[in-house]
């Protein structure tokens, strides 16, 4: 296989690498019938019930994308939706006992993928990458707030 053509587009490089990393994690989670995206949603939902809009922000998705991604998780019985007690217009997403069991079962698979990526790139490389990505995300968020 030949080396990919060089690119100077940061977005392209990030997306291409993100797709490869996602596929790597997806293969680890496939025996459980989960994608990385589904696992991420379930894992974050397991922390506490979330209002849909806030949950979408935390995941870096718009509300319509999150709503579309939640549908199969509702159908599987891993998540449920209810109305907020203080404001019936707000949708609250919460994990079910079956969803919590699915997260618990998936955790060793996720850890295995995480460890393999860390081994490939090195602990120092992963820490640097996480720091750089967090810093870029924060700067982009601040820019978006200023431009809003």
N, C-alpha and C. Protein backbone atom coordinates (compact mmCIF):
# COMPACT_ATOMS: atom_id res chain seq x y z
N UNK A 1 0.85 -1.18 0.00
CA UNK A 1 0.00 0.00 0.00
C UNK A 1 0.89 1.23 0.00
N UNK A 2 0.62 2.17 -0.89
CA UNK A 2 1.45 3.36 -0.97
C UNK A 2 1.08 4.35 0.12
N UNK A 3 2.03 5.23 0.43
CA UNK A 3 1.80 6.24 1.45
C UNK A 3 0.76 7.23 0.94
N UNK A 4 -0.11 7.72 1.84
CA UNK A 4 -1.11 8.70 1.41
C UNK A 4 -0.44 9.99 0.96
N UNK A 5 -1.07 10.66 0.02
CA UNK A 5 -0.56 11.93 -0.47
C UNK A 5 -0.54 12.94 0.68
N UNK A 6 0.50 13.75 0.71
CA UNK A 6 0.62 14.77 1.75
C UNK A 6 -0.51 15.78 1.62
N UNK A 7 -0.93 16.29 2.75
CA UNK A 7 -1.98 17.31 2.75
C UNK A 7 -1.59 18.38 3.76
N UNK A 8 -1.96 19.60 3.45
CA UNK A 8 -1.72 20.71 4.37
C UNK A 8 -3.02 21.14 5.02
N UNK A 9 -4.09 20.38 4.80
CA UNK A 9 -5.40 20.71 5.37
C UNK A 9 -5.55 20.03 6.73
N UNK A 10 -5.56 20.82 7.77
CA UNK A 10 -5.66 20.29 9.13
C UNK A 10 -6.94 19.49 9.31
N UNK A 11 -8.04 19.98 8.79
CA UNK A 11 -9.32 19.29 8.95
C UNK A 11 -9.28 17.92 8.29
N UNK A 12 -8.74 17.86 7.08
CA UNK A 12 -8.63 16.57 6.39
C UNK A 12 -7.79 15.59 7.20
N UNK A 13 -6.64 16.03 7.67
CA UNK A 13 -5.75 15.16 8.43
C UNK A 13 -6.40 14.66 9.72
N UNK A 14 -7.08 15.56 10.43
CA UNK A 14 -7.77 15.17 11.65
C UNK A 14 -8.89 14.17 11.36
N UNK A 15 -9.68 14.44 10.34
CA UNK A 15 -10.80 13.55 10.02
C UNK A 15 -10.34 12.18 9.55
N UNK A 16 -9.30 12.16 8.72
CA UNK A 16 -8.80 10.88 8.24
C UNK A 16 -8.29 10.04 9.41
N UNK A 17 -7.51 10.65 10.29
CA UNK A 17 -6.99 9.93 11.45
C UNK A 17 -8.11 9.54 12.39
N UNK A 18 -9.07 10.43 12.59
CA UNK A 18 -10.21 10.11 13.47
C UNK A 18 -10.99 8.92 12.94
N UNK A 19 -11.17 8.84 11.62
CA UNK A 19 -11.86 7.69 11.04
C UNK A 19 -11.09 6.40 11.30
N UNK A 20 -9.78 6.43 11.13
CA UNK A 20 -8.97 5.24 11.37
C UNK A 20 -9.04 4.81 12.84
N UNK A 21 -8.92 5.78 13.74
CA UNK A 21 -8.97 5.46 15.16
C UNK A 21 -10.35 4.92 15.52
N UNK A 22 -11.41 5.55 15.01
CA UNK A 22 -12.77 5.09 15.27
C UNK A 22 -12.97 3.66 14.79
N UNK A 23 -12.47 3.35 13.60
CA UNK A 23 -12.60 1.99 13.07
C UNK A 23 -11.87 0.99 13.94
N UNK A 24 -10.73 1.38 14.48
CA UNK A 24 -9.95 0.53 15.37
C UNK A 24 -10.76 0.19 16.62
N UNK A 25 -11.35 1.21 17.26
CA UNK A 25 -12.18 1.00 18.45
C UNK A 25 -13.46 0.23 18.09
N UNK A 26 -14.04 0.55 16.95
CA UNK A 26 -15.26 -0.15 16.51
C UNK A 26 -15.02 -1.65 16.41
N UNK A 27 -13.86 -2.04 15.90
CA UNK A 27 -13.55 -3.48 15.79
C UNK A 27 -13.49 -4.13 17.17
N UNK A 28 -12.96 -3.44 18.15
CA UNK A 28 -12.89 -3.99 19.51
C UNK A 28 -14.28 -4.11 20.13
N UNK A 29 -15.16 -3.17 19.85
CA UNK A 29 -16.49 -3.14 20.45
C UNK A 29 -17.53 -3.95 19.68
N UNK A 30 -17.21 -4.33 18.45
CA UNK A 30 -18.16 -5.04 17.58
C UNK A 30 -18.74 -6.31 18.20
N UNK A 31 -17.96 -7.13 18.93
CA UNK A 31 -18.56 -8.33 19.52
C UNK A 31 -19.71 -8.04 20.48
N UNK A 32 -19.78 -6.82 20.99
CA UNK A 32 -20.86 -6.43 21.89
C UNK A 32 -22.01 -5.75 21.16
N UNK A 33 -21.89 -5.62 19.85
CA UNK A 33 -22.94 -4.95 19.08
C UNK A 33 -22.95 -3.45 19.29
N UNK A 34 -21.79 -2.88 19.62
CA UNK A 34 -21.67 -1.44 19.85
C UNK A 34 -20.65 -0.83 18.92
N UNK A 35 -20.91 0.41 18.53
CA UNK A 35 -19.91 1.21 17.85
C UNK A 35 -19.24 2.10 18.90
N UNK A 36 -18.12 2.69 18.55
CA UNK A 36 -17.46 3.61 19.46
C UNK A 36 -18.38 4.78 19.80
N UNK A 37 -19.10 5.28 18.81
CA UNK A 37 -20.02 6.39 19.04
C UNK A 37 -21.08 6.01 20.06
N UNK A 38 -21.66 4.84 19.92
CA UNK A 38 -22.67 4.38 20.87
C UNK A 38 -22.08 4.19 22.27
N UNK A 39 -20.89 3.61 22.33
CA UNK A 39 -20.22 3.42 23.61
C UNK A 39 -19.98 4.77 24.28
N UNK A 40 -19.49 5.75 23.53
CA UNK A 40 -19.22 7.08 24.08
C UNK A 40 -20.48 7.72 24.65
N UNK A 41 -21.57 7.60 23.91
CA UNK A 41 -22.85 8.16 24.39
C UNK A 41 -23.28 7.45 25.67
N UNK A 42 -23.25 6.13 25.67
CA UNK A 42 -23.65 5.37 26.86
C UNK A 42 -22.75 5.67 28.05
N UNK A 43 -21.45 5.74 27.81
CA UNK A 43 -20.49 5.98 28.90
C UNK A 43 -20.75 7.33 29.54
N UNK A 44 -20.97 8.35 28.74
CA UNK A 44 -21.23 9.68 29.29
C UNK A 44 -22.61 9.77 29.93
N UNK A 45 -23.57 9.05 29.39
CA UNK A 45 -24.91 9.03 29.99
C UNK A 45 -24.89 8.30 31.33
N UNK A 46 -23.94 7.41 31.52
CA UNK A 46 -23.89 6.63 32.76
C UNK A 46 -23.45 7.48 33.94
N UNK A 47 -22.88 8.65 33.70
CA UNK A 47 -22.41 9.52 34.78
C UNK A 47 -23.58 10.16 35.52
N UNK A 48 -24.57 10.63 34.78
CA UNK A 48 -25.73 11.29 35.37
C UNK A 48 -26.72 11.59 34.25
N UNK A 49 -28.02 11.71 34.56
CA UNK A 49 -28.98 12.12 33.53
C UNK A 49 -28.57 13.47 32.96
N UNK A 50 -28.79 13.66 31.66
CA UNK A 50 -28.39 14.89 30.98
C UNK A 50 -29.55 15.48 30.19
N UNK A 51 -29.65 16.79 30.21
CA UNK A 51 -30.59 17.50 29.34
C UNK A 51 -30.02 17.39 27.92
N UNK A 52 -30.89 17.11 26.96
CA UNK A 52 -30.47 16.83 25.60
C UNK A 52 -29.49 17.87 25.04
N UNK A 53 -29.81 19.14 25.13
CA UNK A 53 -28.95 20.19 24.57
C UNK A 53 -27.58 20.22 25.22
N UNK A 54 -27.54 20.09 26.53
CA UNK A 54 -26.26 20.08 27.24
C UNK A 54 -25.45 18.83 26.88
N UNK A 55 -26.14 17.72 26.74
CA UNK A 55 -25.50 16.46 26.37
C UNK A 55 -24.89 16.57 24.98
N UNK A 56 -25.64 17.17 24.05
CA UNK A 56 -25.14 17.37 22.69
C UNK A 56 -23.87 18.22 22.72
N UNK A 57 -23.88 19.28 23.52
CA UNK A 57 -22.70 20.15 23.63
C UNK A 57 -21.50 19.37 24.17
N UNK A 58 -21.74 18.57 25.21
CA UNK A 58 -20.65 17.79 25.80
C UNK A 58 -20.04 16.83 24.78
N UNK A 59 -20.88 16.24 23.95
CA UNK A 59 -20.42 15.27 22.95
C UNK A 59 -19.87 15.94 21.69
N UNK A 60 -20.07 17.25 21.56
CA UNK A 60 -19.63 17.95 20.36
C UNK A 60 -20.50 17.67 19.15
N UNK A 61 -21.79 17.41 19.40
CA UNK A 61 -22.75 17.13 18.32
C UNK A 61 -23.84 18.20 18.34
N UNK A 62 -24.50 18.38 17.21
CA UNK A 62 -25.70 19.20 17.26
C UNK A 62 -26.85 18.32 17.73
N UNK A 63 -27.93 18.96 18.15
CA UNK A 63 -29.05 18.22 18.76
C UNK A 63 -29.67 17.21 17.81
N UNK A 64 -29.80 17.58 16.53
CA UNK A 64 -30.45 16.65 15.60
C UNK A 64 -29.58 15.41 15.36
N UNK A 65 -28.27 15.59 15.31
CA UNK A 65 -27.37 14.44 15.15
C UNK A 65 -27.45 13.55 16.38
N UNK A 66 -27.43 14.16 17.56
CA UNK A 66 -27.52 13.36 18.78
C UNK A 66 -28.86 12.62 18.82
N UNK A 67 -29.94 13.29 18.49
CA UNK A 67 -31.26 12.65 18.50
C UNK A 67 -31.27 11.42 17.59
N UNK A 68 -30.68 11.56 16.40
CA UNK A 68 -30.59 10.44 15.46
C UNK A 68 -29.74 9.30 16.05
N UNK A 69 -28.65 9.65 16.72
CA UNK A 69 -27.78 8.64 17.33
C UNK A 69 -28.39 7.99 18.57
N UNK A 70 -29.30 8.65 19.23
CA UNK A 70 -29.95 8.10 20.41
C UNK A 70 -31.00 7.04 20.07
N UNK A 71 -31.63 7.18 18.91
CA UNK A 71 -32.74 6.30 18.53
C UNK A 71 -32.42 4.81 18.70
N UNK A 72 -31.32 4.30 18.13
CA UNK A 72 -31.06 2.86 18.32
C UNK A 72 -30.75 2.49 19.77
N UNK A 73 -30.25 3.42 20.55
CA UNK A 73 -29.97 3.15 21.96
C UNK A 73 -31.26 3.07 22.77
N UNK A 74 -32.25 3.88 22.39
CA UNK A 74 -33.58 3.76 23.01
C UNK A 74 -34.21 2.41 22.63
N UNK A 75 -34.12 2.10 21.32
CA UNK A 75 -34.74 0.86 20.83
C UNK A 75 -34.13 -0.37 21.48
N UNK A 76 -32.84 -0.31 21.78
CA UNK A 76 -32.16 -1.44 22.44
C UNK A 76 -32.49 -1.50 23.93
N UNK A 77 -33.11 -0.45 24.46
CA UNK A 77 -33.44 -0.41 25.88
C UNK A 77 -32.28 0.02 26.76
N UNK A 78 -31.25 0.64 26.17
CA UNK A 78 -30.06 1.05 26.93
C UNK A 78 -30.17 2.47 27.46
N UNK A 79 -31.00 3.29 26.82
CA UNK A 79 -31.26 4.66 27.28
C UNK A 79 -32.75 4.89 27.28
N UNK A 80 -33.16 5.86 28.06
CA UNK A 80 -34.56 6.29 28.02
C UNK A 80 -34.58 7.82 28.12
N UNK A 81 -35.71 8.36 27.74
CA UNK A 81 -35.89 9.81 27.75
C UNK A 81 -37.08 10.14 28.64
N UNK A 82 -36.95 11.24 29.37
CA UNK A 82 -38.06 11.74 30.16
C UNK A 82 -38.02 13.26 30.09
N UNK A 83 -39.07 13.88 30.56
CA UNK A 83 -39.14 15.35 30.60
C UNK A 83 -38.54 15.84 31.91
N UNK A 84 -37.86 16.97 31.86
CA UNK A 84 -37.27 17.56 33.06
C UNK A 84 -38.37 17.97 34.03
N UNK A 85 -38.12 17.77 35.30
CA UNK A 85 -39.11 18.11 36.33
C UNK A 85 -39.33 19.61 36.42
N UNK A 86 -38.28 20.40 36.24
CA UNK A 86 -38.40 21.86 36.37
C UNK A 86 -38.89 22.54 35.11
N UNK A 87 -38.80 21.86 33.96
CA UNK A 87 -39.21 22.44 32.69
C UNK A 87 -39.58 21.31 31.74
N UNK A 88 -40.87 21.09 31.58
CA UNK A 88 -41.37 19.99 30.77
C UNK A 88 -40.97 20.05 29.30
N UNK A 89 -40.43 21.18 28.86
CA UNK A 89 -39.98 21.29 27.47
C UNK A 89 -38.62 20.63 27.26
N UNK A 90 -37.87 20.46 28.33
CA UNK A 90 -36.53 19.89 28.24
C UNK A 90 -36.59 18.37 28.28
N UNK A 91 -35.81 17.75 27.37
CA UNK A 91 -35.71 16.29 27.31
C UNK A 91 -34.48 15.86 28.09
N UNK A 92 -34.66 14.93 29.01
CA UNK A 92 -33.56 14.41 29.83
C UNK A 92 -33.27 12.98 29.38
N UNK A 93 -31.99 12.73 29.13
CA UNK A 93 -31.53 11.41 28.69
C UNK A 93 -30.92 10.71 29.89
N UNK A 94 -31.34 9.47 30.13
CA UNK A 94 -30.74 8.71 31.23
C UNK A 94 -30.52 7.26 30.82
N UNK A 95 -29.52 6.67 31.44
CA UNK A 95 -29.16 5.29 31.14
C UNK A 95 -30.08 4.35 31.91
N UNK A 96 -30.36 3.20 31.32
CA UNK A 96 -31.18 2.17 31.97
C UNK A 96 -30.23 1.15 32.62
N UNK A 97 -30.76 0.28 33.47
CA UNK A 97 -29.91 -0.80 34.01
C UNK A 97 -29.28 -1.65 32.89
N UNK A 98 -30.03 -1.91 31.83
CA UNK A 98 -29.47 -2.68 30.71
C UNK A 98 -28.35 -1.90 30.03
N UNK A 99 -28.49 -0.59 29.92
CA UNK A 99 -27.45 0.25 29.34
C UNK A 99 -26.20 0.26 30.19
N UNK A 100 -26.39 0.34 31.50
CA UNK A 100 -25.25 0.31 32.43
C UNK A 100 -24.51 -1.03 32.31
N UNK A 101 -25.27 -2.13 32.19
CA UNK A 101 -24.65 -3.44 32.03
C UNK A 101 -23.87 -3.51 30.72
N UNK A 102 -24.39 -2.88 29.67
CA UNK A 102 -23.70 -2.87 28.37
C UNK A 102 -22.39 -2.09 28.47
N UNK A 103 -22.41 -0.96 29.17
CA UNK A 103 -21.18 -0.18 29.37
C UNK A 103 -20.16 -0.99 30.15
N UNK A 104 -20.61 -1.65 31.21
CA UNK A 104 -19.70 -2.47 32.02
C UNK A 104 -19.08 -3.58 31.20
N UNK A 105 -19.87 -4.21 30.33
CA UNK A 105 -19.36 -5.28 29.49
C UNK A 105 -18.39 -4.75 28.43
N UNK A 106 -18.62 -3.53 27.96
CA UNK A 106 -17.80 -2.95 26.90
C UNK A 106 -16.49 -2.37 27.42
N UNK A 107 -16.44 -2.03 28.70
CA UNK A 107 -15.25 -1.35 29.23
C UNK A 107 -13.95 -2.11 28.98
N UNK A 108 -13.87 -3.41 29.21
CA UNK A 108 -12.60 -4.10 28.92
C UNK A 108 -12.21 -4.04 27.44
N UNK A 109 -13.19 -4.05 26.55
CA UNK A 109 -12.91 -3.94 25.11
C UNK A 109 -12.36 -2.55 24.79
N UNK A 110 -12.98 -1.52 25.37
CA UNK A 110 -12.50 -0.15 25.16
C UNK A 110 -11.09 0.00 25.72
N UNK A 111 -10.86 -0.54 26.92
CA UNK A 111 -9.52 -0.44 27.52
C UNK A 111 -8.46 -1.12 26.65
N UNK A 112 -8.82 -2.25 26.06
CA UNK A 112 -7.88 -2.96 25.19
C UNK A 112 -7.53 -2.09 23.98
N UNK A 113 -8.53 -1.48 23.37
CA UNK A 113 -8.27 -0.59 22.23
C UNK A 113 -7.44 0.61 22.67
N UNK A 114 -7.78 1.19 23.79
CA UNK A 114 -7.06 2.35 24.31
C UNK A 114 -5.58 2.00 24.55
N UNK A 115 -5.34 0.86 25.15
CA UNK A 115 -3.97 0.43 25.45
C UNK A 115 -3.19 0.18 24.16
N UNK A 116 -3.84 -0.41 23.18
CA UNK A 116 -3.16 -0.69 21.91
C UNK A 116 -2.78 0.61 21.18
N UNK A 117 -3.68 1.60 21.19
CA UNK A 117 -3.37 2.88 20.56
C UNK A 117 -2.23 3.56 21.32
N UNK A 118 -2.30 3.51 22.63
CA UNK A 118 -1.23 4.09 23.45
C UNK A 118 0.11 3.41 23.16
N UNK A 119 0.10 2.10 23.02
CA UNK A 119 1.33 1.36 22.71
C UNK A 119 1.87 1.77 21.34
N UNK A 120 0.98 1.93 20.36
CA UNK A 120 1.40 2.32 19.02
C UNK A 120 2.03 3.71 18.99
N UNK A 121 1.47 4.65 19.74
CA UNK A 121 1.89 6.05 19.67
C UNK A 121 2.80 6.45 20.82
N UNK A 122 2.79 5.66 21.89
CA UNK A 122 3.61 5.97 23.06
C UNK A 122 2.85 6.82 24.06
N UNK A 123 3.11 6.58 25.33
CA UNK A 123 2.39 7.31 26.39
C UNK A 123 2.61 8.81 26.28
N UNK A 124 3.86 9.23 26.07
CA UNK A 124 4.15 10.66 25.97
C UNK A 124 3.44 11.26 24.74
N UNK A 125 3.42 10.51 23.65
CA UNK A 125 2.74 11.00 22.46
C UNK A 125 1.24 11.17 22.68
N UNK A 126 0.64 10.20 23.37
CA UNK A 126 -0.80 10.28 23.67
C UNK A 126 -1.11 11.46 24.57
N UNK A 127 -0.31 11.64 25.61
CA UNK A 127 -0.53 12.78 26.51
C UNK A 127 -0.40 14.11 25.77
N UNK A 128 0.61 14.21 24.92
CA UNK A 128 0.80 15.43 24.13
C UNK A 128 -0.37 15.64 23.17
N UNK A 129 -0.80 14.55 22.51
CA UNK A 129 -1.93 14.63 21.58
C UNK A 129 -3.20 15.09 22.30
N UNK A 130 -3.49 14.50 23.45
CA UNK A 130 -4.67 14.89 24.21
C UNK A 130 -4.60 16.37 24.59
N UNK A 131 -3.45 16.80 25.07
CA UNK A 131 -3.30 18.20 25.44
C UNK A 131 -3.48 19.13 24.26
N UNK A 132 -2.89 18.78 23.13
CA UNK A 132 -3.01 19.61 21.93
C UNK A 132 -4.46 19.67 21.44
N UNK A 133 -5.13 18.52 21.43
CA UNK A 133 -6.53 18.50 20.97
C UNK A 133 -7.43 19.28 21.92
N UNK A 134 -7.23 19.14 23.22
CA UNK A 134 -8.02 19.91 24.19
C UNK A 134 -7.79 21.41 24.01
N UNK A 135 -6.54 21.80 23.80
CA UNK A 135 -6.23 23.22 23.62
C UNK A 135 -6.86 23.76 22.34
N UNK A 136 -6.78 22.99 21.25
CA UNK A 136 -7.39 23.43 19.99
C UNK A 136 -8.90 23.54 20.13
N UNK A 137 -9.54 22.54 20.77
CA UNK A 137 -10.99 22.59 20.98
C UNK A 137 -11.38 23.83 21.78
N UNK A 138 -10.63 24.12 22.85
CA UNK A 138 -10.94 25.29 23.69
C UNK A 138 -10.81 26.59 22.91
N UNK A 139 -9.78 26.68 22.09
CA UNK A 139 -9.58 27.90 21.29
C UNK A 139 -10.68 28.06 20.24
N UNK A 140 -11.06 26.96 19.62
CA UNK A 140 -12.15 27.03 18.65
C UNK A 140 -13.47 27.41 19.32
N UNK A 141 -13.72 26.87 20.51
CA UNK A 141 -14.95 27.21 21.25
C UNK A 141 -14.96 28.67 21.62
N UNK A 142 -13.82 29.20 22.08
CA UNK A 142 -13.74 30.62 22.44
C UNK A 142 -13.96 31.50 21.23
N UNK A 143 -13.40 31.11 20.09
CA UNK A 143 -13.60 31.86 18.85
C UNK A 143 -15.07 31.86 18.45
N UNK A 144 -15.70 30.70 18.54
CA UNK A 144 -17.13 30.60 18.19
C UNK A 144 -17.97 31.48 19.10
N UNK A 145 -17.64 31.55 20.38
CA UNK A 145 -18.38 32.42 21.31
C UNK A 145 -18.21 33.89 20.94
N UNK A 146 -16.99 34.28 20.60
CA UNK A 146 -16.73 35.68 20.22
C UNK A 146 -17.46 36.05 18.94
N UNK A 147 -17.56 35.10 18.02
CA UNK A 147 -18.18 35.37 16.73
C UNK A 147 -19.70 35.25 16.76
N UNK A 148 -20.23 34.72 17.85
CA UNK A 148 -21.69 34.52 17.94
C UNK A 148 -22.42 35.84 18.21
